Amino acid sequence: MPEEDLIELKFRLYDGSDIGPFRYSPASTIAMLKQRIVADWPKDKKVSPKAANDVKLIYAGKILENSRTVGQCKTPFGELPNGVITLHAVVQPSLAKAKSEKKVDKAPNQSICSCSIL
């Protein structure tokens, strides 16, 4: 693939630090980008993704879908010749996982009532 067809992306984390920039072909999927982010995530961060599904990529206020390619998303990226495009990487654990990790009080609710009849 010619060098000029590659798209240069970097990923902004929650604390303002960046991962990248890296060059991707237009055929790369958003899921592939997320896998790269998980692999390159700095180990010293308090919040870190455990899997690619924990990462949401946001550009221009829109969450990018895993099945889309970088080429399909290029229109919102705009026409920046030789520019680096910044995507926001947000860690959000999957909903099913978050529900299963909630602490549940297994003791039944007991109400104590005492009545006196005179």
PDB file of N, CA and C in Angstrom:
ATOM      1  N   MET A   1       0.848  -1.175   0.000  1.00  0.00           N
ATOM      2  CA  MET A   1       0.000   0.000   0.000  1.00  0.00           C
ATOM      3  C   MET A   1       0.892   1.236   0.000  1.00  0.00           C
ATOM      4  N   PRO A   2       0.608   2.202  -0.849  1.00  0.00           N
ATOM      5  CA  PRO A   2       1.429   3.418  -0.890  1.00  0.00           C
ATOM      6  C   PRO A   2       1.391   4.155   0.450  1.00  0.00           C
ATOM      7  N   GLU A   3       2.505   4.735   0.803  1.00  0.00           N
ATOM      8  CA  GLU A   3       2.643   5.450   2.073  1.00  0.00           C
ATOM      9  C   GLU A   3       1.636   6.588   2.192  1.00  0.00           C
ATOM     10  N   GLU A   4       1.295   7.238   1.085  1.00  0.00           N
ATOM     11  CA  GLU A   4       0.388   8.385   1.147  1.00  0.00           C
ATOM     12  C   GLU A   4      -1.048   7.987   1.452  1.00  0.00           C
ATOM     13  N   ASP A   5      -1.420   6.709   1.269  1.00  0.00           N
ATOM     14  CA  ASP A   5      -2.779   6.266   1.549  1.00  0.00           C
ATOM     15  C   ASP A   5      -2.999   5.951   3.029  1.00  0.00           C
ATOM     16  N   LEU A   6      -1.920   5.842   3.796  1.00  0.00           N
ATOM     17  CA  LEU A   6      -2.060   5.525   5.213  1.00  0.00           C
ATOM     18  C   LEU A   6      -2.602   6.726   5.979  1.00  0.00           C
ATOM     19  N   ILE A   7      -3.374   6.434   7.015  1.00  0.00           N
ATOM     20  CA  ILE A   7      -3.981   7.475   7.844  1.00  0.00           C
ATOM     21  C   ILE A   7      -3.295   7.439   9.200  1.00  0.00           C
ATOM     22  N   GLU A   8      -2.826   8.596   9.653  1.00  0.00           N
ATOM     23  CA  GLU A   8      -2.102   8.673  10.912  1.00  0.00           C
ATOM     24  C   GLU A   8      -3.068   9.050  12.037  1.00  0.00           C
ATOM     25  N   LEU A   9      -3.134   8.172  13.058  1.00  0.00           N
ATOM     26  CA  LEU A   9      -4.046   8.351  14.176  1.00  0.00           C
ATOM     27  C   LEU A   9      -3.290   8.307  15.494  1.00  0.00           C
ATOM     28  N   LYS A  10      -3.777   9.084  16.456  1.00  0.00           N
ATOM     29  CA  LYS A  10      -3.303   8.944  17.835  1.00  0.00           C
ATOM     30  C   LYS A  10      -4.538   8.892  18.721  1.00  0.00           C
ATOM     31  N   PHE A  11      -4.353   8.340  19.919  1.00  0.00           N
ATOM     32  CA  PHE A  11      -5.470   8.091  20.808  1.00  0.00           C
ATOM     33  C   PHE A  11      -5.264   8.849  22.107  1.00  0.00           C
ATOM     34  N   ARG A  12      -6.191   9.740  22.436  1.00  0.00           N
ATOM     35  CA  ARG A  12      -6.106  10.563  23.647  1.00  0.00           C
ATOM     36  C   ARG A  12      -6.802   9.826  24.785  1.00  0.00           C
ATOM     37  N   LEU A  13      -6.086   9.683  25.909  1.00  0.00           N
ATOM     38  CA  LEU A  13      -6.615   8.992  27.079  1.00  0.00           C
ATOM     39  C   LEU A  13      -7.288   9.973  28.026  1.00  0.00           C
ATOM     40  N   TYR A  14      -7.929   9.450  29.057  1.00  0.00           N
ATOM     41  CA  TYR A  14      -8.715  10.251  29.993  1.00  0.00           C
ATOM     42  C   TYR A  14      -7.906  11.313  30.723  1.00  0.00           C
ATOM     43  N   ASP A  15      -6.599  11.103  30.877  1.00  0.00           N
ATOM     44  CA  ASP A  15      -5.779  12.064  31.612  1.00  0.00           C
ATOM     45  C   ASP A  15      -5.038  13.042  30.700  1.00  0.00           C
ATOM     46  N   GLY A  16      -5.322  13.000  29.411  1.00  0.00           N
ATOM     47  CA  GLY A  16      -4.691  13.915  28.463  1.00  0.00           C
ATOM     48  C   GLY A  16      -3.447  13.369  27.793  1.00  0.00           C
ATOM     49  N   SER A  17      -2.960  12.214  28.218  1.00  0.00           N
ATOM     50  CA  SER A  17      -1.806  11.608  27.557  1.00  0.00           C
ATOM     51  C   SER A  17      -2.265  10.905  26.281  1.00  0.00           C
ATOM     52  N   ASP A  18      -1.316  10.581  25.428  1.00  0.00           N
ATOM     53  CA  ASP A  18      -1.637   9.996  24.123  1.00  0.00           C
ATOM     54  C   ASP A  18      -0.955   8.653  23.933  1.00  0.00           C
ATOM     55  N   ILE A  19      -1.590   7.808  23.131  1.00  0.00           N
ATOM     56  CA  ILE A  19      -0.976   6.599  22.597  1.00  0.00           C
ATOM     57  C   ILE A  19      -0.829   6.846  21.108  1.00  0.00           C
ATOM     58  N   GLY A  20       0.361   6.695  20.599  1.00  0.00           N
ATOM     59  CA  GLY A  20       0.576   6.916  19.168  1.00  0.00           C
ATOM     60  C   GLY A  20       1.341   8.192  18.940  1.00  0.00           C
ATOM     61  N   PRO A  21       1.394   8.663  17.743  1.00  0.00           N
ATOM     62  CA  PRO A  21       0.592   8.306  16.562  1.00  0.00           C
ATOM     63  C   PRO A  21       1.105   7.055  15.840  1.00  0.00           C
ATOM     64  N   PHE A  22       0.160   6.384  15.197  1.00  0.00           N
ATOM     65  CA  PHE A  22       0.429   5.214  14.377  1.00  0.00           C
ATOM     66  C   PHE A  22      -0.218   5.409  13.019  1.00  0.00           C
ATOM     67  N   ARG A  23       0.329   4.738  12.020  1.00  0.00           N
ATOM     68  CA  ARG A  23      -0.219   4.817  10.661  1.00  0.00           C
ATOM     69  C   ARG A  23      -1.015   3.547  10.378  1.00  0.00           C
ATOM     70  N   TYR A  24      -2.219   3.743   9.864  1.00  0.00           N
ATOM     71  CA  TYR A  24      -3.119   2.623   9.580  1.00  0.00           C
ATOM     72  C   TYR A  24      -3.578   2.676   8.139  1.00  0.00           C
ATOM     73  N   SER A  25      -3.827   1.501   7.591  1.00  0.00           N
ATOM     74  CA  SER A  25      -4.390   1.441   6.242  1.00  0.00           C
ATOM     75  C   SER A  25      -5.891   1.716   6.351  1.00  0.00           C
ATOM     76  N   PRO A  26      -6.502   2.213   5.294  1.00  0.00           N
ATOM     77  CA  PRO A  26      -7.947   2.453   5.312  1.00  0.00           C
ATOM     78  C   PRO A  26      -8.767   1.179   5.522  1.00  0.00           C
ATOM     79  N   ALA A  27      -8.175  -0.007   5.311  1.00  0.00           N
ATOM     80  CA  ALA A  27      -8.896  -1.267   5.488  1.00  0.00           C
ATOM     81  C   ALA A  27      -8.890  -1.737   6.946  1.00  0.00           C
ATOM     82  N   SER A  28      -8.146  -1.091   7.830  1.00  0.00           N
ATOM     83  CA  SER A  28      -8.109  -1.476   9.240  1.00  0.00           C
ATOM     84  C   SER A  28      -9.467  -1.200   9.877  1.00  0.00           C
ATOM     85  N   THR A  29      -9.925  -2.144  10.699  1.00  0.00           N
ATOM     86  CA  THR A  29     -11.213  -1.955  11.364  1.00  0.00           C
ATOM     87  C   THR A  29     -11.021  -1.235  12.700  1.00  0.00           C
ATOM     88  N   ILE A  30     -12.101  -0.675  13.197  1.00  0.00           N
ATOM     89  CA  ILE A  30     -12.079  -0.013  14.504  1.00  0.00           C
ATOM     90  C   ILE A  30     -11.730  -1.039  15.581  1.00  0.00           C
ATOM     91  N   ALA A  31     -12.200  -2.279  15.429  1.00  0.00           N
ATOM     92  CA  ALA A  31     -11.865  -3.343  16.384  1.00  0.00           C
ATOM     93  C   ALA A  31     -10.350  -3.570  16.432  1.00  0.00           C
ATOM     94  N   MET A  32      -9.691  -3.504  15.295  1.00  0.00           N
ATOM     95  CA  MET A  32      -8.233  -3.660  15.251  1.00  0.00           C
ATOM     96  C   MET A  32      -7.543  -2.508  15.987  1.00  0.00           C
ATOM     97  N   LEU A  33      -8.070  -1.308  15.840  1.00  0.00           N
ATOM     98  CA  LEU A  33      -7.501  -0.155  16.545  1.00  0.00           C
ATOM     99  C   LEU A  33      -7.625  -0.349  18.051  1.00  0.00           C
ATOM    100  N   LYS A  34      -8.777  -0.858  18.494  1.00  0.00           N
ATOM    101  CA  LYS A  34      -8.999  -1.072  19.917  1.00  0.00           C
ATOM    102  C   LYS A  34      -8.045  -2.125  20.477  1.00  0.00           C
ATOM    103  N   GLN A  35      -7.773  -3.159  19.711  1.00  0.00           N
ATOM    104  CA  GLN A  35      -6.826  -4.180  20.157  1.00  0.00           C
ATOM    105  C   GLN A  35      -5.433  -3.584  20.329  1.00  0.00           C
ATOM    106  N   ARG A  36      -5.059  -2.716  19.426  1.00  0.00           N
ATOM    107  CA  ARG A  36      -3.756  -2.044  19.527  1.00  0.00           C
ATOM    108  C   ARG A  36      -3.701  -1.148  20.759  1.00  0.00           C
ATOM    109  N   ILE A  37      -4.805  -0.464  21.046  1.00  0.00           N
ATOM    110  CA  ILE A  37      -4.859   0.409  22.220  1.00  0.00           C
ATOM    111  C   ILE A  37      -4.685  -0.406  23.498  1.00  0.00           C
ATOM    112  N   VAL A  38      -5.389  -1.536  23.604  1.00  0.00           N
ATOM    113  CA  VAL A  38      -5.284  -2.381  24.795  1.00  0.00           C
ATOM    114  C   VAL A  38      -3.852  -2.888  24.953  1.00  0.00           C
ATOM    115  N   ALA A  39      -3.222  -3.277  23.852  1.00  0.00           N
ATOM    116  CA  ALA A  39      -1.846  -3.781  23.907  1.00  0.00           C
ATOM    117  C   ALA A  39      -0.851  -2.690  24.307  1.00  0.00           C
ATOM    118  N   ASP A  40      -1.082  -1.456  23.874  1.00  0.00           N
ATOM    119  CA  ASP A  40      -0.143  -0.366  24.133  1.00  0.00           C
ATOM    120  C   ASP A  40      -0.542   0.516  25.324  1.00  0.00           C
ATOM    121  N   TRP A  41      -1.595   0.151  26.053  1.00  0.00           N
ATOM    122  CA  TRP A  41      -2.078   0.966  27.167  1.00  0.00           C
ATOM    123  C   TRP A  41      -0.985   1.066  28.229  1.00  0.00           C
ATOM    124  N   PRO A  42      -0.672   2.273  28.704  1.00  0.00           N
ATOM    125  CA  PRO A  42       0.380   2.432  29.720  1.00  0.00           C
ATOM    126  C   PRO A  42       0.026   1.666  30.999  1.00  0.00           C
ATOM    127  N   LYS A  43       0.984   0.960  31.543  1.00  0.00           N
ATOM    128  CA  LYS A  43       0.756   0.112  32.722  1.00  0.00           C
ATOM    129  C   LYS A  43       0.592   0.923  34.010  1.00  0.00           C
ATOM    130  N   ASP A  44       1.027   2.182  34.024  1.00  0.00           N
ATOM    131  CA  ASP A  44       0.973   2.980  35.244  1.00  0.00           C
ATOM    132  C   ASP A  44      -0.359   3.707  35.451  1.00  0.00           C
ATOM    133  N   LYS A  45      -1.327   3.515  34.581  1.00  0.00           N
ATOM    134  CA  LYS A  45      -2.624   4.185  34.693  1.00  0.00           C
ATOM    135  C   LYS A  45      -3.512   3.471  35.704  1.00  0.00           C
ATOM    136  N   LYS A  46      -4.315   4.243  36.443  1.00  0.00           N
ATOM    137  CA  LYS A  46      -5.230   3.664  37.417  1.00  0.00           C
ATOM    138  C   LYS A  46      -6.354   2.903  36.727  1.00  0.00           C
ATOM    139  N   VAL A  47      -6.866   3.455  35.651  1.00  0.00           N
ATOM    140  CA  VAL A  47      -7.948   2.832  34.897  1.00  0.00           C
ATOM    141  C   VAL A  47      -7.351   2.232  33.636  1.00  0.00           C
ATOM    142  N   SER A  48      -7.609   0.938  33.424  1.00  0.00           N
ATOM    143  CA  SER A  48      -7.090   0.311  32.213  1.00  0.00           C
ATOM    144  C   SER A  48      -8.106  -0.713  31.699  1.00  0.00           C
ATOM    145  N   PRO A  49      -8.188  -0.851  30.375  1.00  0.00           N
ATOM    146  CA  PRO A  49      -9.121  -1.824  29.809  1.00  0.00           C
ATOM    147  C   PRO A  49      -8.568  -3.236  29.925  1.00  0.00           C
ATOM    148  N   LYS A  50      -9.464  -4.188  30.138  1.00  0.00           N
ATOM    149  CA  LYS A  50      -9.052  -5.587  30.196  1.00  0.00           C
ATOM    150  C   LYS A  50      -9.214  -6.265  28.839  1.00  0.00           C
ATOM    151  N   ALA A  51     -10.089  -5.712  28.001  1.00  0.00           N
ATOM    152  CA  ALA A  51     -10.347  -6.274  26.676  1.00  0.00           C
ATOM    153  C   ALA A  51     -10.696  -5.138  25.720  1.00  0.00           C
ATOM    154  N   ALA A  52     -10.645  -5.433  24.434  1.00  0.00           N
ATOM    155  CA  ALA A  52     -10.938  -4.412  23.419  1.00  0.00           C
ATOM    156  C   ALA A  52     -12.374  -3.894  23.533  1.00  0.00           C
ATOM    157  N   ASN A  53     -13.294  -4.727  24.007  1.00  0.00           N
ATOM    158  CA  ASN A  53     -14.690  -4.291  24.153  1.00  0.00           C
ATOM    159  C   ASN A  53     -14.877  -3.280  25.270  1.00  0.00           C
ATOM    160  N   ASP A  54     -13.884  -3.131  26.151  1.00  0.00           N
ATOM    161  CA  ASP A  54     -13.950  -2.139  27.217  1.00  0.00           C
ATOM    162  C   ASP A  54     -13.606  -0.733  26.715  1.00  0.00           C
ATOM    163  N   VAL A  55     -13.103  -0.624  25.492  1.00  0.00           N
ATOM    164  CA  VAL A  55     -12.663   0.659  24.935  1.00  0.00           C
ATOM    165  C   VAL A  55     -13.711   1.183  23.961  1.00  0.00           C
ATOM    166  N   LYS A  56     -14.040   2.453  24.118  1.00  0.00           N
ATOM    167  CA  LYS A  56     -14.907   3.144  23.164  1.00  0.00           C
ATOM    168  C   LYS A  56     -14.051   4.214  22.492  1.00  0.00           C
ATOM    169  N   LEU A  57     -14.064   4.241  21.155  1.00  0.00           N
ATOM    170  CA  LEU A  57     -13.344   5.278  20.418  1.00  0.00           C
ATOM    171  C   LEU A  57     -14.345   6.327  19.978  1.00  0.00           C
ATOM    172  N   ILE A  58     -14.021   7.575  20.272  1.00  0.00           N
ATOM    173  CA  ILE A  58     -14.929   8.676  19.972  1.00  0.00           C
ATOM    174  C   ILE A  58     -14.214   9.664  19.064  1.00  0.00           C
ATOM    175  N   TYR A  59     -14.917  10.059  18.008  1.00  0.00           N
ATOM    176  CA  TYR A  59     -14.407  11.109  17.127  1.00  0.00           C
ATOM    177  C   TYR A  59     -15.570  11.997  16.736  1.00  0.00           C
ATOM    178  N   ALA A  60     -15.395  13.283  16.873  1.00  0.00           N
ATOM    179  CA  ALA A  60     -16.418  14.279  16.528  1.00  0.00           C
ATOM    180  C   ALA A  60     -17.732  13.997  17.240  1.00  0.00           C
ATOM    181  N   GLY A  61     -17.635  13.553  18.500  1.00  0.00           N
ATOM    182  CA  GLY A  61     -18.821  13.313  19.300  1.00  0.00           C
ATOM    183  C   GLY A  61     -19.553  12.025  19.002  1.00  0.00           C
ATOM    184  N   LYS A  62     -18.990  11.177  18.163  1.00  0.00           N
ATOM    185  CA  LYS A  62     -19.653   9.925  17.802  1.00  0.00           C
ATOM    186  C   LYS A  62     -18.792   8.742  18.206  1.00  0.00           C
ATOM    187  N   ILE A  63     -19.451   7.703  18.745  1.00  0.00           N
ATOM    188  CA  ILE A  63     -18.760   6.464  19.076  1.00  0.00           C
ATOM    189  C   ILE A  63     -18.615   5.662  17.797  1.00  0.00           C
ATOM    190  N   LEU A  64     -17.396   5.255  17.486  1.00  0.00           N
ATOM    191  CA  LEU A  64     -17.123   4.507  16.260  1.00  0.00           C
ATOM    192  C   LEU A  64     -17.435   3.029  16.469  1.00  0.00           C
ATOM    193  N   GLU A  65     -18.099   2.421  15.495  1.00  0.00           N
ATOM    194  CA  GLU A  65     -18.510   1.022  15.570  1.00  0.00           C
ATOM    195  C   GLU A  65     -17.351   0.096  15.207  1.00  0.00           C
ATOM    196  N   ASN A  66     -17.286  -1.060  15.891  1.00  0.00           N
ATOM    197  CA  ASN A  66     -16.196  -2.021  15.683  1.00  0.00           C
ATOM    198  C   ASN A  66     -16.105  -2.524  14.255  1.00  0.00           C
ATOM    199  N   SER A  67     -17.241  -2.697  13.589  1.00  0.00           N
ATOM    200  CA  SER A  67     -17.246  -3.308  12.262  1.00  0.00           C
ATOM    201  C   SER A  67     -16.840  -2.336  11.151  1.00  0.00           C
ATOM    202  N   ARG A  68     -16.795  -1.068  11.431  1.00  0.00           N
ATOM    203  CA  ARG A  68     -16.435  -0.088  10.411  1.00  0.00           C
ATOM    204  C   ARG A  68     -14.929  -0.053  10.199  1.00  0.00           C
ATOM    205  N   THR A  69     -14.520   0.349   9.014  1.00  0.00           N
ATOM    206  CA  THR A  69     -13.095   0.483   8.725  1.00  0.00           C
ATOM    207  C   THR A  69     -12.666   1.943   8.863  1.00  0.00           C
ATOM    208  N   VAL A  70     -11.368   2.127   8.959  1.00  0.00           N
ATOM    209  CA  VAL A  70     -10.828   3.489   9.035  1.00  0.00           C
ATOM    210  C   VAL A  70     -11.202   4.253   7.765  1.00  0.00           C
ATOM    211  N   GLY A  71     -11.183   3.569   6.614  1.00  0.00           N
ATOM    212  CA  GLY A  71     -11.564   4.200   5.348  1.00  0.00           C
ATOM    213  C   GLY A  71     -13.008   4.670   5.346  1.00  0.00           C
ATOM    214  N   GLN A  72     -13.908   3.885   5.947  1.00  0.00           N
ATOM    215  CA  GLN A  72     -15.310   4.276   6.026  1.00  0.00           C
ATOM    216  C   GLN A  72     -15.501   5.464   6.962  1.00  0.00           C
ATOM    217  N   CYS A  73     -14.660   5.565   7.956  1.00  0.00           N
ATOM    218  CA  CYS A  73     -14.751   6.662   8.917  1.00  0.00           C
ATOM    219  C   CYS A  73     -13.950   7.877   8.479  1.00  0.00           C
ATOM    220  N   LYS A  74     -13.270   7.776   7.361  1.00  0.00           N
ATOM    221  CA  LYS A  74     -12.389   8.858   6.918  1.00  0.00           C
ATOM    222  C   LYS A  74     -13.158  10.139   6.634  1.00  0.00           C
ATOM    223  N   THR A  75     -14.386  10.033   6.168  1.00  0.00           N
ATOM    224  CA  THR A  75     -15.173  11.238   5.885  1.00  0.00           C
ATOM    225  C   THR A  75     -15.301  12.113   7.119  1.00  0.00           C
ATOM    226  N   PRO A  76     -15.672  11.542   8.297  1.00  0.00           N
ATOM    227  CA  PRO A  76     -15.694  12.439   9.442  1.00  0.00           C
ATOM    228  C   PRO A  76     -14.310  12.913   9.870  1.00  0.00           C
ATOM    229  N   PHE A  77     -13.266  12.154   9.496  1.00  0.00           N
ATOM    230  CA  PHE A  77     -11.923  12.581   9.851  1.00  0.00           C
ATOM    231  C   PHE A  77     -11.524  13.840   9.087  1.00  0.00           C
ATOM    232  N   GLY A  78     -12.158  14.056   7.968  1.00  0.00           N
ATOM    233  CA  GLY A  78     -11.844  15.249   7.199  1.00  0.00           C
ATOM    234  C   GLY A  78     -10.672  15.041   6.267  1.00  0.00           C
ATOM    235  N   GLU A  79     -10.368  16.048   5.558  1.00  0.00           N
ATOM    236  CA  GLU A  79      -9.277  16.006   4.586  1.00  0.00           C
ATOM    237  C   GLU A  79      -8.077  16.751   5.157  1.00  0.00           C
ATOM    238  N   LEU A  80      -7.324  16.078   5.991  1.00  0.00           N
ATOM    239  CA  LEU A  80      -6.128  16.667   6.569  1.00  0.00           C
ATOM    240  C   LEU A  80      -4.909  16.072   5.891  1.00  0.00           C
ATOM    241  N   PRO A  81      -4.322  16.774   4.947  1.00  0.00           N
ATOM    242  CA  PRO A  81      -3.127  16.222   4.300  1.00  0.00           C
ATOM    243  C   PRO A  81      -1.980  16.161   5.299  1.00  0.00           C
ATOM    244  N   ASN A  82      -1.442  14.960   5.464  1.00  0.00           N
ATOM    245  CA  ASN A  82      -0.301  14.722   6.355  1.00  0.00           C
ATOM    246  C   ASN A  82      -0.563  15.150   7.793  1.00  0.00           C
ATOM    247  N   GLY A  83      -1.818  15.180   8.211  1.00  0.00           N
ATOM    248  CA  GLY A  83      -2.157  15.547   9.579  1.00  0.00           C
ATOM    249  C   GLY A  83      -2.420  14.326  10.439  1.00  0.00           C
ATOM    250  N   VAL A  84      -2.240  14.494  11.733  1.00  0.00           N
ATOM    251  CA  VAL A  84      -2.523  13.419  12.683  1.00  0.00           C
ATOM    252  C   VAL A  84      -3.928  13.634  13.221  1.00  0.00           C
ATOM    253  N   ILE A  85      -4.733  12.593  13.195  1.00  0.00           N
ATOM    254  CA  ILE A  85      -6.112  12.660  13.665  1.00  0.00           C
ATOM    255  C   ILE A  85      -6.151  12.100  15.076  1.00  0.00           C
ATOM    256  N   THR A  86      -6.791  12.826  15.989  1.00  0.00           N
ATOM    257  CA  THR A  86      -6.882  12.398  17.377  1.00  0.00           C
ATOM    258  C   THR A  86      -8.251  11.805  17.651  1.00  0.00           C
ATOM    259  N   LEU A  87      -8.248  10.579  18.182  1.00  0.00           N
ATOM    260  CA  LEU A  87      -9.467   9.917  18.620  1.00  0.00           C
ATOM    261  C   LEU A  87      -9.414   9.808  20.138  1.00  0.00           C
ATOM    262  N   HIS A  88     -10.542   9.956  20.791  1.00  0.00           N
ATOM    263  CA  HIS A  88     -10.586   9.820  22.238  1.00  0.00           C
ATOM    264  C   HIS A  88     -10.872   8.369  22.590  1.00  0.00           C
ATOM    265  N   ALA A  89     -10.055   7.817  23.480  1.00  0.00           N
ATOM    266  CA  ALA A  89     -10.225   6.440  23.941  1.00  0.00           C
ATOM    267  C   ALA A  89     -10.778   6.472  25.363  1.00  0.00           C
ATOM    268  N   VAL A  90     -11.983   5.942  25.525  1.00  0.00           N
ATOM    269  CA  VAL A  90     -12.662   5.938  26.816  1.00  0.00           C
ATOM    270  C   VAL A  90     -12.797   4.495  27.279  1.00  0.00           C
ATOM    271  N   VAL A  91     -12.452   4.245  28.531  1.00  0.00           N
ATOM    272  CA  VAL A  91     -12.593   2.900  29.090  1.00  0.00           C
ATOM    273  C   VAL A  91     -13.968   2.807  29.734  1.00  0.00           C
ATOM    274  N   GLN A  92     -14.737   1.835  29.269  1.00  0.00           N
ATOM    275  CA  GLN A  92     -16.077   1.608  29.798  1.00  0.00           C
ATOM    276  C   GLN A  92     -16.310   0.100  29.832  1.00  0.00           C
ATOM    277  N   PRO A  93     -16.224  -0.504  31.029  1.00  0.00           N
ATOM    278  CA  PRO A  93     -16.429  -1.955  31.106  1.00  0.00           C
ATOM    279  C   PRO A  93     -17.803  -2.322  30.578  1.00  0.00           C
ATOM    280  N   SER A  94     -17.904  -3.527  30.028  1.00  0.00           N
ATOM    281  CA  SER A  94     -19.182  -3.960  29.478  1.00  0.00           C
ATOM    282  C   SER A  94     -20.234  -4.010  30.575  1.00  0.00           C
ATOM    283  N   LEU A  95     -21.483  -3.757  30.209  1.00  0.00           N
ATOM    284  CA  LEU A  95     -22.584  -3.652  31.153  1.00  0.00           C
ATOM    285  C   LEU A  95     -22.828  -4.970  31.883  1.00  0.00           C
ATOM    286  N   ALA A  96     -22.796  -6.086  31.185  1.00  0.00           N
ATOM    287  CA  ALA A  96     -23.027  -7.388  31.811  1.00  0.00           C
ATOM    288  C   ALA A  96     -21.968  -7.679  32.862  1.00  0.00           C
ATOM    289  N   LYS A  97     -20.736  -7.315  32.567  1.00  0.00           N
ATOM    290  CA  LYS A  97     -19.637  -7.532  33.498  1.00  0.00           C
ATOM    291  C   LYS A  97     -19.811  -6.648  34.727  1.00  0.00           C
ATOM    292  N   ALA A  98     -20.200  -5.405  34.531  1.00  0.00           N
ATOM    293  CA  ALA A  98     -20.370  -4.477  35.640  1.00  0.00           C
ATOM    294  C   ALA A  98     -21.495  -4.941  36.560  1.00  0.00           C
ATOM    295  N   LYS A  99     -22.571  -5.469  36.007  1.00  0.00           N
ATOM    296  CA  LYS A  99     -23.681  -5.951  36.824  1.00  0.00           C
ATOM    297  C   LYS A  99     -23.267  -7.152  37.662  1.00  0.00           C
ATOM    298  N   SER A 100     -22.476  -8.046  37.096  1.00  0.00           N
ATOM    299  CA  SER A 100     -22.080  -9.247  37.825  1.00  0.00           C
ATOM    300  C   SER A 100     -21.079  -8.936  38.932  1.00  0.00           C
ATOM    301  N   GLU A 101     -20.375  -7.823  38.834  1.00  0.00           N
ATOM    302  CA  GLU A 101     -19.383  -7.479  39.836  1.00  0.00           C
ATOM    303  C   GLU A 101     -19.959  -6.702  41.012  1.00  0.00           C
ATOM    304  N   LYS A 102     -21.216  -6.273  40.914  1.00  0.00           N
ATOM    305  CA  LYS A 102     -21.822  -5.531  42.011  1.00  0.00           C
ATOM    306  C   LYS A 102     -21.936  -6.432  43.228  1.00  0.00           C
ATOM    307  N   LYS A 103     -21.695  -5.837  44.378  1.00  0.00           N
ATOM    308  CA  LYS A 103     -21.838  -6.603  45.604  1.00  0.00           C
ATOM    309  C   LYS A 103     -23.323  -6.683  45.939  1.00  0.00           C
ATOM    310  N   VAL A 104     -23.742  -7.888  46.212  1.00  0.00           N
ATOM    311  CA  VAL A 104     -25.137  -8.117  46.544  1.00  0.00           C
ATOM    312  C   VAL A 104     -25.198  -8.625  47.969  1.00  0.00           C
ATOM    313  N   ASP A 105     -26.008  -7.969  48.771  1.00  0.00           N
ATOM    314  CA  ASP A 105     -26.194  -8.410  50.143  1.00  0.00           C
ATOM    315  C   ASP A 105     -27.125  -9.607  50.118  1.00  0.00           C
ATOM    316  N   LYS A 106     -26.604 -10.764  50.493  1.00  0.00           N
ATOM    317  CA  LYS A 106     -27.377 -11.992  50.388  1.00  0.00           C
ATOM    318  C   LYS A 106     -28.275 -12.224  51.592  1.00  0.00           C
ATOM    319  N   ALA A 107     -28.107 -11.444  52.630  1.00  0.00           N
ATOM    320  CA  ALA A 107     -28.966 -11.596  53.797  1.00  0.00           C
ATOM    321  C   ALA A 107     -30.340 -11.027  53.456  1.00  0.00           C
ATOM    322  N   PRO A 108     -31.401 -11.776  53.786  1.00  0.00           N
ATOM    323  CA  PRO A 108     -32.735 -11.261  53.479  1.00  0.00           C
ATOM    324  C   PRO A 108     -33.046 -10.059  54.359  1.00  0.00           C
ATOM    325  N   ASN A 109     -33.854  -9.182  53.824  1.00  0.00           N
ATOM    326  CA  ASN A 109     -34.256  -8.004  54.573  1.00  0.00           C
ATOM    327  C   ASN A 109     -35.168  -8.459  55.704  1.00  0.00           C
ATOM    328  N   GLN A 110     -34.799  -8.145  56.912  1.00  0.00           N
ATOM    329  CA  GLN A 110     -35.605  -8.505  58.071  1.00  0.00           C
ATOM    330  C   GLN A 110     -36.085  -7.232  58.719  1.00  0.00           C
ATOM    331  N   SER A 111     -37.360  -7.187  58.910  1.00  0.00           N
ATOM    332  CA  SER A 111     -37.897  -6.042  59.634  1.00  0.00           C
ATOM    333  C   SER A 111     -38.366  -6.542  60.990  1.00  0.00           C
ATOM    334  N   ILE A 112     -38.038  -5.829  61.992  1.00  0.00           N
ATOM    335  CA  ILE A 112     -38.403  -6.210  63.331  1.00  0.00           C
ATOM    336  C   ILE A 112     -39.485  -5.249  63.784  1.00  0.00           C
ATOM    337  N   CYS A 113     -40.560  -5.826  64.209  1.00  0.00           N
ATOM    338  CA  CYS A 113     -41.683  -5.020  64.649  1.00  0.00           C
ATOM    339  C   CYS A 113     -42.148  -5.561  65.988  1.00  0.00           C
ATOM    340  N   SER A 114     -42.335  -4.701  66.873  1.00  0.00           N
ATOM    341  CA  SER A 114     -42.881  -5.132  68.158  1.00  0.00           C
ATOM    342  C   SER A 114     -44.119  -4.305  68.452  1.00  0.00           C
ATOM    343  N   CYS A 115     -45.149  -4.980  68.838  1.00  0.00           N
ATOM    344  CA  CYS A 115     -46.426  -4.329  69.140  1.00  0.00           C
ATOM    345  C   CYS A 115     -46.849  -4.704  70.562  1.00  0.00           C
ATOM    346  N   SER A 116     -47.424  -3.781  71.211  1.00  0.00           N
ATOM    347  CA  SER A 116     -47.967  -4.038  72.550  1.00  0.00           C
ATOM    348  C   SER A 116     -49.439  -3.674  72.568  1.00  0.00           C
ATOM    349  N   ILE A 117     -50.271  -4.613  72.988  1.00  0.00           N
ATOM    350  CA  ILE A 117     -51.702  -4.351  73.077  1.00  0.00           C
ATOM    351  C   ILE A 117     -52.069  -4.332  74.553  1.00  0.00           C
ATOM    352  N   LEU A 118     -52.685  -3.245  74.958  1.00  0.00           N
ATOM    353  CA  LEU A 118     -53.057  -3.106  76.366  1.00  0.00           C
ATOM    354  C   LEU A 118     -54.529  -3.229  76.535  1.00  0.00           C
TER     355      LEU A 118
END
